[in-house]
Amino acid sequence: MSDELNNKQEAVLNAEEHRIAIDRVVNAIRPALQRDGGDCEVVDVSPDGKTVFMKLKGACSHCPSAIYTLKFGIEQTLREMVPGVETVEQVW
């Protein structure tokens, strides 16, 4: 029972560390978006940590190039900087 509890605690800790790593990278990206009148917010992360759900705000929320910002900017950076992240999905 003790080993099972320790494994669950480690999984929670690892999930928290994973989310912190994601938030740090997003916070580093955010100023570039804000310079153009936009912003972004991490809404959720899938339980396996592979998918990050993000909301684009301000100018980014209705920009025709938002999908490029999301996929080729934010997603690519997260994939490079945070092990385990595979995709970023936009939520409204």
Foldseek 3Di string as FASTA:
>chain_A
DVVVVVVVVVLVVVVVVLVVQLVVLQVVVAVVQVVVQKGKDFPDAPSQRAETEMEIGTPLNPDPCNVCCQFVNSQVSCVVRGPRHHHYHYDD
